[in-house]
PDB file of N, CA and C in Angstrom:
ATOM      1  N   MET A   1     141.645  63.381 143.809  1.00  0.00           N
ATOM      2  CA  MET A   1     140.426  64.077 143.588  1.00  0.00           C
ATOM      3  C   MET A   1     140.585  65.556 143.899  1.00  0.00           C
ATOM      4  N   GLU A   2     141.353  65.790 144.902  1.00  0.00           N
ATOM      5  CA  GLU A   2     141.583  67.167 145.246  1.00  0.00           C
ATOM      6  C   GLU A   2     142.296  67.908 144.140  1.00  0.00           C
ATOM      7  N   MET A   3     143.126  67.277 143.481  1.00  0.00           N
ATOM      8  CA  MET A   3     143.898  67.906 142.418  1.00  0.00           C
ATOM      9  C   MET A   3     143.002  68.306 141.253  1.00  0.00           C
ATOM     10  N   THR A   4     142.074  67.488 140.879  1.00  0.00           N
ATOM     11  CA  THR A   4     141.214  67.807 139.749  1.00  0.00           C
ATOM     12  C   THR A   4     140.283  68.962 140.088  1.00  0.00           C
ATOM     13  N   THR A   5     139.827  69.006 141.338  1.00  0.00           N
ATOM     14  CA  THR A   5     138.948  70.099 141.729  1.00  0.00           C
ATOM     15  C   THR A   5     139.699  71.411 141.684  1.00  0.00           C
ATOM     16  N   THR A   6     140.899  71.440 142.201  1.00  0.00           N
ATOM     17  CA  THR A   6     141.693  72.660 142.187  1.00  0.00           C
ATOM     18  C   THR A   6     142.003  73.060 140.766  1.00  0.00           C
ATOM     19  N   TYR A   7     142.361  72.113 139.940  1.00  0.00           N
ATOM     20  CA  TYR A   7     142.701  72.417 138.554  1.00  0.00           C
ATOM     21  C   TYR A   7     141.480  72.970 137.822  1.00  0.00           C
ATOM     22  N   ARG A   8     140.348  72.403 138.109  1.00  0.00           N
ATOM     23  CA  ARG A   8     139.138  72.843 137.426  1.00  0.00           C
ATOM     24  C   ARG A   8     138.840  74.316 137.716  1.00  0.00           C
ATOM     25  N   TYR A   9     139.044  74.769 138.939  1.00  0.00           N
ATOM     26  CA  TYR A   9     138.738  76.158 139.286  1.00  0.00           C
ATOM     27  C   TYR A   9     139.863  77.126 138.942  1.00  0.00           C
ATOM     28  N   GLU A  10     141.059  76.615 138.764  1.00  0.00           N
ATOM     29  CA  GLU A  10     142.182  77.496 138.487  1.00  0.00           C
ATOM     30  C   GLU A  10     142.453  77.686 137.023  1.00  0.00           C
ATOM     31  N   ARG A  11     142.042  76.790 136.215  1.00  0.00           N
ATOM     32  CA  ARG A  11     142.380  76.911 134.787  1.00  0.00           C
ATOM     33  C   ARG A  11     141.573  78.024 134.152  1.00  0.00           C
ATOM     34  N   THR A  12     142.088  78.590 133.115  1.00  0.00           N
ATOM     35  CA  THR A  12     141.405  79.668 132.414  1.00  0.00           C
ATOM     36  C   THR A  12     140.382  79.065 131.471  1.00  0.00           C
ATOM     37  N   VAL A  13     139.254  79.702 131.423  1.00  0.00           N
ATOM     38  CA  VAL A  13     138.189  79.240 130.559  1.00  0.00           C
ATOM     39  C   VAL A  13     138.470  79.781 129.166  1.00  0.00           C
ATOM     40  N   PRO A  14     138.371  78.933 128.152  1.00  0.00           N
ATOM     41  CA  PRO A  14     138.716  79.421 126.817  1.00  0.00           C
ATOM     42  C   PRO A  14     137.760  80.529 126.344  1.00  0.00           C
ATOM     43  N   ARG A  15     136.556  80.568 126.868  1.00  0.00           N
ATOM     44  CA  ARG A  15     135.591  81.597 126.440  1.00  0.00           C
ATOM     45  C   ARG A  15     135.562  82.797 127.394  1.00  0.00           C
ATOM     46  N   ALA A  16     136.541  82.938 128.233  1.00  0.00           N
ATOM     47  CA  ALA A  16     136.558  84.018 129.220  1.00  0.00           C
ATOM     48  C   ALA A  16     136.601  85.381 128.535  1.00  0.00           C
ATOM     49  N   ALA A  17     137.345  85.528 127.478  1.00  0.00           N
ATOM     50  CA  ALA A  17     137.453  86.811 126.778  1.00  0.00           C
ATOM     51  C   ALA A  17     136.088  87.201 126.199  1.00  0.00           C
ATOM     52  N   ALA A  18     135.403  86.204 125.615  1.00  0.00           N
ATOM     53  CA  ALA A  18     134.076  86.490 125.059  1.00  0.00           C
ATOM     54  C   ALA A  18     133.096  86.861 126.172  1.00  0.00           C
ATOM     55  N   LEU A  19     133.243  86.178 127.306  1.00  0.00           N
ATOM     56  CA  LEU A  19     132.384  86.484 128.443  1.00  0.00           C
ATOM     57  C   LEU A  19     132.640  87.906 128.947  1.00  0.00           C
ATOM     58  N   HIS A  20     133.918  88.291 129.013  1.00  0.00           N
ATOM     59  CA  HIS A  20     134.250  89.651 129.451  1.00  0.00           C
ATOM     60  C   HIS A  20     133.704  90.693 128.462  1.00  0.00           C
ATOM     61  N   ARG A  21     133.799  90.403 127.175  1.00  0.00           N
ATOM     62  CA  ARG A  21     133.252  91.335 126.175  1.00  0.00           C
ATOM     63  C   ARG A  21     131.736  91.436 126.310  1.00  0.00           C
ATOM     64  N   ALA A  22     131.075  90.295 126.546  1.00  0.00           N
ATOM     65  CA  ALA A  22     129.618  90.306 126.708  1.00  0.00           C
ATOM     66  C   ALA A  22     129.230  91.098 127.955  1.00  0.00           C
ATOM     67  N   LEU A  23     129.965  90.904 129.040  1.00  0.00           N
ATOM     68  CA  LEU A  23     129.686  91.661 130.259  1.00  0.00           C
ATOM     69  C   LEU A  23     129.927  93.154 130.044  1.00  0.00           C
ATOM     70  N   ALA A  24     130.977  93.488 129.299  1.00  0.00           N
ATOM     71  CA  ALA A  24     131.256  94.901 129.012  1.00  0.00           C
ATOM     72  C   ALA A  24     130.115  95.504 128.191  1.00  0.00           C
ATOM     73  N   ARG A  25     129.632  94.769 127.177  1.00  0.00           N
ATOM     74  CA  ARG A  25     128.497  95.261 126.377  1.00  0.00           C
ATOM     75  C   ARG A  25     127.254  95.429 127.246  1.00  0.00           C
ATOM     76  N   GLN A  26     127.033  94.454 128.146  1.00  0.00           N
ATOM     77  CA  GLN A  26     125.876  94.527 129.034  1.00  0.00           C
ATOM     78  C   GLN A  26     125.989  95.744 129.957  1.00  0.00           C
ATOM     79  N   ASN A  27     127.163  95.979 130.514  1.00  0.00           N
ATOM     80  CA  ASN A  27     127.365  97.141 131.376  1.00  0.00           C
ATOM     81  C   ASN A  27     127.190  98.441 130.588  1.00  0.00           C
ATOM     82  N   ALA A  28     127.649  98.462 129.338  1.00  0.00           N
ATOM     83  CA  ALA A  28     127.474  99.654 128.498  1.00  0.00           C
ATOM     84  C   ALA A  28     125.991  99.909 128.239  1.00  0.00           C
ATOM     85  N   ARG A  29     125.247  98.848 127.962  1.00  0.00           N
ATOM     86  CA  ARG A  29     123.796  99.006 127.753  1.00  0.00           C
ATOM     87  C   ARG A  29     123.108  99.525 129.009  1.00  0.00           C
ATOM     88  N   ILE A  30     123.531  99.004 130.161  1.00  0.00           N
ATOM     89  CA  ILE A  30     122.946  99.463 131.429  1.00  0.00           C
ATOM     90  C   ILE A  30     123.244 100.948 131.634  1.00  0.00           C
ATOM     91  N   ARG A  31     124.500 101.369 131.376  1.00  0.00           N
ATOM     92  CA  ARG A  31     124.849 102.788 131.508  1.00  0.00           C
ATOM     93  C   ARG A  31     124.035 103.646 130.545  1.00  0.00           C
ATOM     94  N   GLU A  32     123.891 103.194 129.289  1.00  0.00           N
ATOM     95  CA  GLU A  32     123.101 103.943 128.309  1.00  0.00           C
ATOM     96  C   GLU A  32     121.640 104.060 128.749  1.00  0.00           C
ATOM     97  N   THR A  33     121.102 102.969 129.281  1.00  0.00           N
ATOM     98  CA  THR A  33     119.722 102.996 129.752  1.00  0.00           C
ATOM     99  C   THR A  33     119.565 103.976 130.910  1.00  0.00           C
ATOM    100  N   GLU A  34     120.526 103.983 131.823  1.00  0.00           N
ATOM    101  CA  GLU A  34     120.470 104.927 132.943  1.00  0.00           C
ATOM    102  C   GLU A  34     120.571 106.365 132.448  1.00  0.00           C
ATOM    103  N   ILE A  35     121.450 106.626 131.492  1.00  0.00           N
ATOM    104  CA  ILE A  35     121.596 107.976 130.936  1.00  0.00           C
ATOM    105  C   ILE A  35     120.305 108.396 130.246  1.00  0.00           C
ATOM    106  N   LEU A  36     119.709 107.500 129.475  1.00  0.00           N
ATOM    107  CA  LEU A  36     118.454 107.822 128.804  1.00  0.00           C
ATOM    108  C   LEU A  36     117.337 108.076 129.810  1.00  0.00           C
ATOM    109  N   ALA A  37     117.329 107.318 130.896  1.00  0.00           N
ATOM    110  CA  ALA A  37     116.299 107.528 131.922  1.00  0.00           C
ATOM    111  C   ALA A  37     116.459 108.903 132.563  1.00  0.00           C
ATOM    112  N   VAL A  38     117.692 109.312 132.821  1.00  0.00           N
ATOM    113  CA  VAL A  38     117.938 110.636 133.402  1.00  0.00           C
ATOM    114  C   VAL A  38     117.511 111.723 132.413  1.00  0.00           C
ATOM    115  N   GLU A  39     117.865 111.567 131.135  1.00  0.00           N
ATOM    116  CA  GLU A  39     117.471 112.547 130.120  1.00  0.00           C
ATOM    117  C   GLU A  39     115.952 112.618 129.980  1.00  0.00           C
ATOM    118  N   LYS A  40     115.313 111.443 129.996  1.00  0.00           N
ATOM    119  CA  LYS A  40     113.852 111.409 129.888  1.00  0.00           C
ATOM    120  C   LYS A  40     113.207 112.113 131.077  1.00  0.00           C
ATOM    121  N   ALA A  41     113.744 111.905 132.281  1.00  0.00           N
ATOM    122  CA  ALA A  41     113.216 112.577 133.472  1.00  0.00           C
ATOM    123  C   ALA A  41     113.406 114.091 133.359  1.00  0.00           C
ATOM    124  N   ALA A  42     114.559 114.522 132.825  1.00  0.00           N
ATOM    125  CA  ALA A  42     114.810 115.955 132.663  1.00  0.00           C
ATOM    126  C   ALA A  42     113.845 116.560 131.645  1.00  0.00           C
ATOM    127  N   ILE A  43     113.594 115.839 130.551  1.00  0.00           N
ATOM    128  CA  ILE A  43     112.655 116.330 129.538  1.00  0.00           C
ATOM    129  C   ILE A  43     111.251 116.425 130.122  1.00  0.00           C
ATOM    130  N   LYS A  44     110.855 115.411 130.883  1.00  0.00           N
ATOM    131  CA  LYS A  44     109.524 115.424 131.502  1.00  0.00           C
ATOM    132  C   LYS A  44     109.395 116.575 132.490  1.00  0.00           C
ATOM    133  N   GLU A  45     110.430 116.804 133.283  1.00  0.00           N
ATOM    134  CA  GLU A  45     110.404 117.906 134.249  1.00  0.00           C
ATOM    135  C   GLU A  45     110.325 119.255 133.525  1.00  0.00           C
ATOM    136  N   ASN A  46     111.086 119.392 132.440  1.00  0.00           N
ATOM    137  CA  ASN A  46     111.049 120.625 131.655  1.00  0.00           C
ATOM    138  C   ASN A  46     109.662 120.838 131.055  1.00  0.00           C
ATOM    139  N   PHE A  47     109.046 119.764 130.567  1.00  0.00           N
ATOM    140  CA  PHE A  47     107.705 119.853 129.999  1.00  0.00           C
ATOM    141  C   PHE A  47     106.694 120.302 131.051  1.00  0.00           C
ATOM    142  N   ILE A  48     106.804 119.735 132.240  1.00  0.00           N
ATOM    143  CA  ILE A  48     105.886 120.104 133.323  1.00  0.00           C
ATOM    144  C   ILE A  48     106.072 121.572 133.690  1.00  0.00           C
ATOM    145  N   LYS A  49     107.326 122.032 133.781  1.00  0.00           N
ATOM    146  CA  LYS A  49     107.587 123.441 134.093  1.00  0.00           C
ATOM    147  C   LYS A  49     107.011 124.345 133.008  1.00  0.00           C
ATOM    148  N   THR A  50     107.145 123.944 131.761  1.00  0.00           N
ATOM    149  CA  THR A  50     106.609 124.732 130.663  1.00  0.00           C
ATOM    150  C   THR A  50     105.092 124.798 130.746  1.00  0.00           C
ATOM    151  N   GLN A  51     104.452 123.676 131.043  1.00  0.00           N
ATOM    152  CA  GLN A  51     102.997 123.647 131.168  1.00  0.00           C
ATOM    153  C   GLN A  51     102.530 124.548 132.312  1.00  0.00           C
ATOM    154  N   ILE A  52     103.233 124.512 133.435  1.00  0.00           N
ATOM    155  CA  ILE A  52     102.869 125.348 134.579  1.00  0.00           C
ATOM    156  C   ILE A  52     103.029 126.821 134.223  1.00  0.00           C
ATOM    157  N   ALA A  53     104.127 127.164 133.537  1.00  0.00           N
ATOM    158  CA  ALA A  53     104.339 128.561 133.141  1.00  0.00           C
ATOM    159  C   ALA A  53     103.240 129.019 132.186  1.00  0.00           C
ATOM    160  N   HIS A  54     102.887 128.149 131.238  1.00  0.00           N
ATOM    161  CA  HIS A  54     101.817 128.492 130.292  1.00  0.00           C
ATOM    162  C   HIS A  54     100.495 128.677 131.026  1.00  0.00           C
ATOM    163  N   TRP A  55     100.218 127.813 131.976  1.00  0.00           N
ATOM    164  CA  TRP A  55      98.978 127.916 132.744  1.00  0.00           C
ATOM    165  C   TRP A  55      98.953 129.224 133.531  1.00  0.00           C
ATOM    166  N   ASN A  56     100.092 129.570 134.155  1.00  0.00           N
ATOM    167  CA  ASN A  56     100.152 130.816 134.919  1.00  0.00           C
ATOM    168  C   ASN A  56      99.920 132.031 134.022  1.00  0.00           C
ATOM    169  N   GLU A  57     100.523 132.026 132.824  1.00  0.00           N
ATOM    170  CA  GLU A  57     100.318 133.136 131.895  1.00  0.00           C
ATOM    171  C   GLU A  57      98.856 133.228 131.478  1.00  0.00           C
ATOM    172  N   THR A  58      98.265 132.088 131.196  1.00  0.00           N
ATOM    173  CA  THR A  58      96.856 132.063 130.797  1.00  0.00           C
ATOM    174  C   THR A  58      95.969 132.540 131.939  1.00  0.00           C
ATOM    175  N   ALA A  59      96.278 132.087 133.149  1.00  0.00           N
ATOM    176  CA  ALA A  59      95.483 132.486 134.308  1.00  0.00           C
ATOM    177  C   ALA A  59      95.611 133.991 134.548  1.00  0.00           C
ATOM    178  N   ASP A  60      96.824 134.527 134.391  1.00  0.00           N
ATOM    179  CA  ASP A  60      97.022 135.969 134.563  1.00  0.00           C
ATOM    180  C   ASP A  60      96.223 136.746 133.531  1.00  0.00           C
ATOM    181  N   GLY A  61      96.268 136.295 132.289  1.00  0.00           N
ATOM    182  CA  GLY A  61      95.508 136.972 131.235  1.00  0.00           C
ATOM    183  C   GLY A  61      94.017 136.915 131.494  1.00  0.00           C
ATOM    184  N   THR A  62      93.541 135.765 131.932  1.00  0.00           N
ATOM    185  CA  THR A  62      92.115 135.612 132.236  1.00  0.00           C
ATOM    186  C   THR A  62      91.714 136.518 133.392  1.00  0.00           C
ATOM    187  N   ALA A  63      92.544 136.577 134.409  1.00  0.00           N
ATOM    188  CA  ALA A  63      92.243 137.427 135.566  1.00  0.00           C
ATOM    189  C   ALA A  63      92.212 138.893 135.147  1.00  0.00           C
ATOM    190  N   GLU A  64      93.161 139.291 134.299  1.00  0.00           N
ATOM    191  CA  GLU A  64      93.176 140.682 133.825  1.00  0.00           C
ATOM    192  C   GLU A  64      91.920 141.005 133.026  1.00  0.00           C
ATOM    193  N   ARG A  65      91.514 140.079 132.165  1.00  0.00           N
ATOM    194  CA  ARG A  65      90.296 140.299 131.373  1.00  0.00           C
ATOM    195  C   ARG A  65      89.075 140.421 132.273  1.00  0.00           C
ATOM    196  N   LYS A  66      88.997 139.574 133.298  1.00  0.00           N
ATOM    197  CA  LYS A  66      87.864 139.644 134.226  1.00  0.00           C
ATOM    198  C   LYS A  66      87.860 140.972 134.978  1.00  0.00           C
ATOM    199  N   ILE A  67      89.028 141.425 135.404  1.00  0.00           N
ATOM    200  CA  ILE A  67      89.126 142.693 136.119  1.00  0.00           C
ATOM    201  C   ILE A  67      88.692 143.839 135.204  1.00  0.00           C
ATOM    202  N   LEU A  68      89.182 143.828 133.966  1.00  0.00           N
ATOM    203  CA  LEU A  68      88.804 144.881 133.014  1.00  0.00           C
ATOM    204  C   LEU A  68      87.310 144.852 132.724  1.00  0.00           C
ATOM    205  N   LYS A  69      86.747 143.671 132.586  1.00  0.00           N
ATOM    206  CA  LYS A  69      85.315 143.557 132.330  1.00  0.00           C
ATOM    207  C   LYS A  69      84.515 144.108 133.510  1.00  0.00           C
ATOM    208  N   ARG A  70      84.906 143.721 134.721  1.00  0.00           N
ATOM    209  CA  ARG A  70      84.231 144.214 135.910  1.00  0.00           C
ATOM    210  C   ARG A  70      84.375 145.740 136.019  1.00  0.00           C
ATOM    211  N   TYR A  71      85.550 146.263 135.707  1.00  0.00           N
ATOM    212  CA  TYR A  71      85.803 147.695 135.760  1.00  0.00           C
ATOM    213  C   TYR A  71      84.946 148.429 134.730  1.00  0.00           C
ATOM    214  N   SER A  72      84.864 147.884 133.525  1.00  0.00           N
ATOM    215  CA  SER A  72      84.037 148.532 132.498  1.00  0.00           C
ATOM    216  C   SER A  72      82.555 148.484 132.877  1.00  0.00           C
ATOM    217  N   GLN A  73      82.114 147.389 133.490  1.00  0.00           N
ATOM    218  CA  GLN A  73      80.721 147.319 133.945  1.00  0.00           C
ATOM    219  C   GLN A  73      80.449 148.363 135.021  1.00  0.00           C
ATOM    220  N   THR A  74      81.396 148.551 135.922  1.00  0.00           N
ATOM    221  CA  THR A  74      81.242 149.560 136.975  1.00  0.00           C
ATOM    222  C   THR A  74      81.166 150.954 136.360  1.00  0.00           C
ATOM    223  N   ILE A  75      82.037 151.225 135.406  1.00  0.00           N
ATOM    224  CA  ILE A  75      82.031 152.539 134.748  1.00  0.00           C
ATOM    225  C   ILE A  75      80.714 152.757 134.012  1.00  0.00           C
ATOM    226  N   GLU A  76      80.252 151.729 133.307  1.00  0.00           N
ATOM    227  CA  GLU A  76      78.972 151.854 132.600  1.00  0.00           C
ATOM    228  C   GLU A  76      77.827 152.148 133.571  1.00  0.00           C
ATOM    229  N   GLN A  77      77.801 151.472 134.701  1.00  0.00           N
ATOM    230  CA  GLN A  77      76.751 151.702 135.700  1.00  0.00           C
ATOM    231  C   GLN A  77      76.839 153.118 136.251  1.00  0.00           C
ATOM    232  N   GLU A  78      78.055 153.596 136.527  1.00  0.00           N
ATOM    233  CA  GLU A  78      78.227 154.956 137.039  1.00  0.00           C
ATOM    234  C   GLU A  78      77.787 155.989 136.001  1.00  0.00           C
ATOM    235  N   LEU A  79      78.115 155.749 134.731  1.00  0.00           N
ATOM    236  CA  LEU A  79      77.686 156.672 133.672  1.00  0.00           C
ATOM    237  C   LEU A  79      76.165 156.688 133.543  1.00  0.00           C
ATOM    238  N   LYS A  80      75.586 155.521 133.649  1.00  0.00           N
ATOM    239  CA  LYS A  80      74.128 155.433 133.573  1.00  0.00           C
ATOM    240  C   LYS A  80      73.477 156.226 134.704  1.00  0.00           C
ATOM    241  N   THR A  81      74.011 156.050 135.917  1.00  0.00           N
ATOM    242  CA  THR A  81      73.495 156.781 137.074  1.00  0.00           C
ATOM    243  C   THR A  81      73.726 158.286 136.903  1.00  0.00           C
ATOM    244  N   ALA A  82      74.890 158.672 136.404  1.00  0.00           N
ATOM    245  CA  ALA A  82      75.184 160.096 136.200  1.00  0.00           C
ATOM    246  C   ALA A  82      74.248 160.701 135.166  1.00  0.00           C
ATOM    247  N   LYS A  83      73.947 159.958 134.097  1.00  0.00           N
ATOM    248  CA  LYS A  83      73.015 160.456 133.079  1.00  0.00           C
ATOM    249  C   LYS A  83      71.623 160.668 133.678  1.00  0.00           C
ATOM    250  N   ILE A  84      71.186 159.728 134.492  1.00  0.00           N
ATOM    251  CA  ILE A  84      69.868 159.849 135.130  1.00  0.00           C
ATOM    252  C   ILE A  84      69.845 161.060 136.051  1.00  0.00           C
ATOM    253  N   GLN A  85      70.890 161.250 136.843  1.00  0.00           N
ATOM    254  CA  GLN A  85      70.955 162.396 137.748  1.00  0.00           C
ATOM    255  C   GLN A  85      70.993 163.716 136.973  1.00  0.00           C
ATOM    256  N   LEU A  86      71.755 163.740 135.889  1.00  0.00           N
ATOM    257  CA  LEU A  86      71.813 164.941 135.053  1.00  0.00           C
ATOM    258  C   LEU A  86      70.439 165.246 134.456  1.00  0.00           C
ATOM    259  N   LEU A  87      69.742 164.223 134.021  1.00  0.00           N
ATOM    260  CA  LEU A  87      68.396 164.401 133.476  1.00  0.00           C
ATOM    261  C   LEU A  87      67.451 164.949 134.543  1.00  0.00           C
ATOM    262  N   ASN A  88      67.540 164.435 135.766  1.00  0.00           N
ATOM    263  CA  ASN A  88      66.710 164.936 136.868  1.00  0.00           C
ATOM    264  C   ASN A  88      67.023 166.399 137.179  1.00  0.00           C
ATOM    265  N   VAL A  89      68.299 166.749 137.169  1.00  0.00           N
ATOM    266  CA  VAL A  89      68.690 168.142 137.433  1.00  0.00           C
ATOM    267  C   VAL A  89      68.125 169.049 136.347  1.00  0.00           C
ATOM    268  N   ARG A  90      68.250 168.622 135.078  1.00  0.00           N
ATOM    269  CA  ARG A  90      67.713 169.422 133.978  1.00  0.00           C
ATOM    270  C   ARG A  90      66.197 169.583 134.109  1.00  0.00           C
ATOM    271  N   ARG A  91      65.509 168.520 134.445  1.00  0.00           N
ATOM    272  CA  ARG A  91      64.054 168.595 134.612  1.00  0.00           C
ATOM    273  C   ARG A  91      63.678 169.584 135.721  1.00  0.00           C
ATOM    274  N   ASN A  92      64.393 169.480 136.855  1.00  0.00           N
ATOM    275  CA  ASN A  92      64.113 170.386 137.965  1.00  0.00           C
ATOM    276  C   ASN A  92      64.388 171.836 137.574  1.00  0.00           C
ATOM    277  N   ASN A  93      65.496 172.067 136.838  1.00  0.00           N
ATOM    278  CA  ASN A  93      65.797 173.431 136.377  1.00  0.00           C
ATOM    279  C   ASN A  93      64.729 173.934 135.419  1.00  0.00           C
ATOM    280  N   LEU A  94      64.278 173.055 134.524  1.00  0.00           N
ATOM    281  CA  LEU A  94      63.236 173.470 133.579  1.00  0.00           C
ATOM    282  C   LEU A  94      61.917 173.747 134.309  1.00  0.00           C
ATOM    283  N   LYS A  95      61.596 172.919 135.311  1.00  0.00           N
ATOM    284  CA  LYS A  95      60.382 173.162 136.100  1.00  0.00           C
ATOM    285  C   LYS A  95      60.472 174.505 136.820  1.00  0.00           C
ATOM    286  N   ALA A  96      61.645 174.760 137.398  1.00  0.00           N
ATOM    287  CA  ALA A  96      61.822 176.032 138.107  1.00  0.00           C
ATOM    288  C   ALA A  96      61.718 177.201 137.140  1.00  0.00           C
ATOM    289  N   LEU A  97      62.320 177.054 135.976  1.00  0.00           N
ATOM    290  CA  LEU A  97      62.249 178.101 134.964  1.00  0.00           C
ATOM    291  C   LEU A  97      60.807 178.311 134.500  1.00  0.00           C
ATOM    292  N   LEU A  98      60.093 177.216 134.295  1.00  0.00           N
ATOM    293  CA  LEU A  98      58.690 177.309 133.872  1.00  0.00           C
ATOM    294  C   LEU A  98      57.845 177.995 134.950  1.00  0.00           C
ATOM    295  N   GLU A  99      58.067 177.672 136.185  1.00  0.00           N
ATOM    296  CA  GLU A  99      57.315 178.296 137.281  1.00  0.00           C
ATOM    297  C   GLU A  99      57.621 179.779 137.387  1.00  0.00           C
ATOM    298  N   THR A 100      58.880 180.160 137.208  1.00  0.00           N
ATOM    299  CA  THR A 100      59.211 181.590 137.267  1.00  0.00           C
ATOM    300  C   THR A 100      58.595 182.343 136.103  1.00  0.00           C
ATOM    301  N   GLU A 101      58.539 181.701 134.946  1.00  0.00           N
ATOM    302  CA  GLU A 101      57.902 182.354 133.792  1.00  0.00           C
ATOM    303  C   GLU A 101      56.385 182.503 134.013  1.00  0.00           C
ATOM    304  N   LYS A 102      55.763 181.500 134.646  1.00  0.00           N
ATOM    305  CA  LYS A 102      54.329 181.566 134.932  1.00  0.00           C
ATOM    306  C   LYS A 102      54.040 182.698 135.927  1.00  0.00           C
ATOM    307  N   LYS A 103      54.923 182.875 136.914  1.00  0.00           N
ATOM    308  CA  LYS A 103      54.737 183.924 137.907  1.00  0.00           C
ATOM    309  C   LYS A 103      54.938 185.300 137.271  1.00  0.00           C
ATOM    310  N   ASN A 104      55.841 185.392 136.341  1.00  0.00           N
ATOM    311  CA  ASN A 104      56.143 186.665 135.688  1.00  0.00           C
ATOM    312  C   ASN A 104      55.063 187.035 134.665  1.00  0.00           C
ATOM    313  N   VAL A 105      54.392 186.120 134.130  1.00  0.00           N
ATOM    314  CA  VAL A 105      53.393 186.407 133.078  1.00  0.00           C
ATOM    315  C   VAL A 105      52.085 186.776 133.654  1.00  0.00           C
TER     316      VAL A 105
END
């Protein structure tokens, strides 16, 4: 009995070559899957970086537009105030001129 057990484990299996080829194909598929997973992760990371860069550019542009809008509003308010002050100065000068003409006449 011992002899048959030893012989059974020592003899070569006639399908061993096919089994080795199948295992090699399986290992190749596993390697390809791992390579594709790494490439997919790299593509996803690149996409995320691109989205972040685009968002930063958009945010910078929006911030610049807001700053320019606020600056133009400030300038408009200052011009409005300057026009009012200039009008008051002109009125006061005209009043003074009118009073001097009344005194002279």
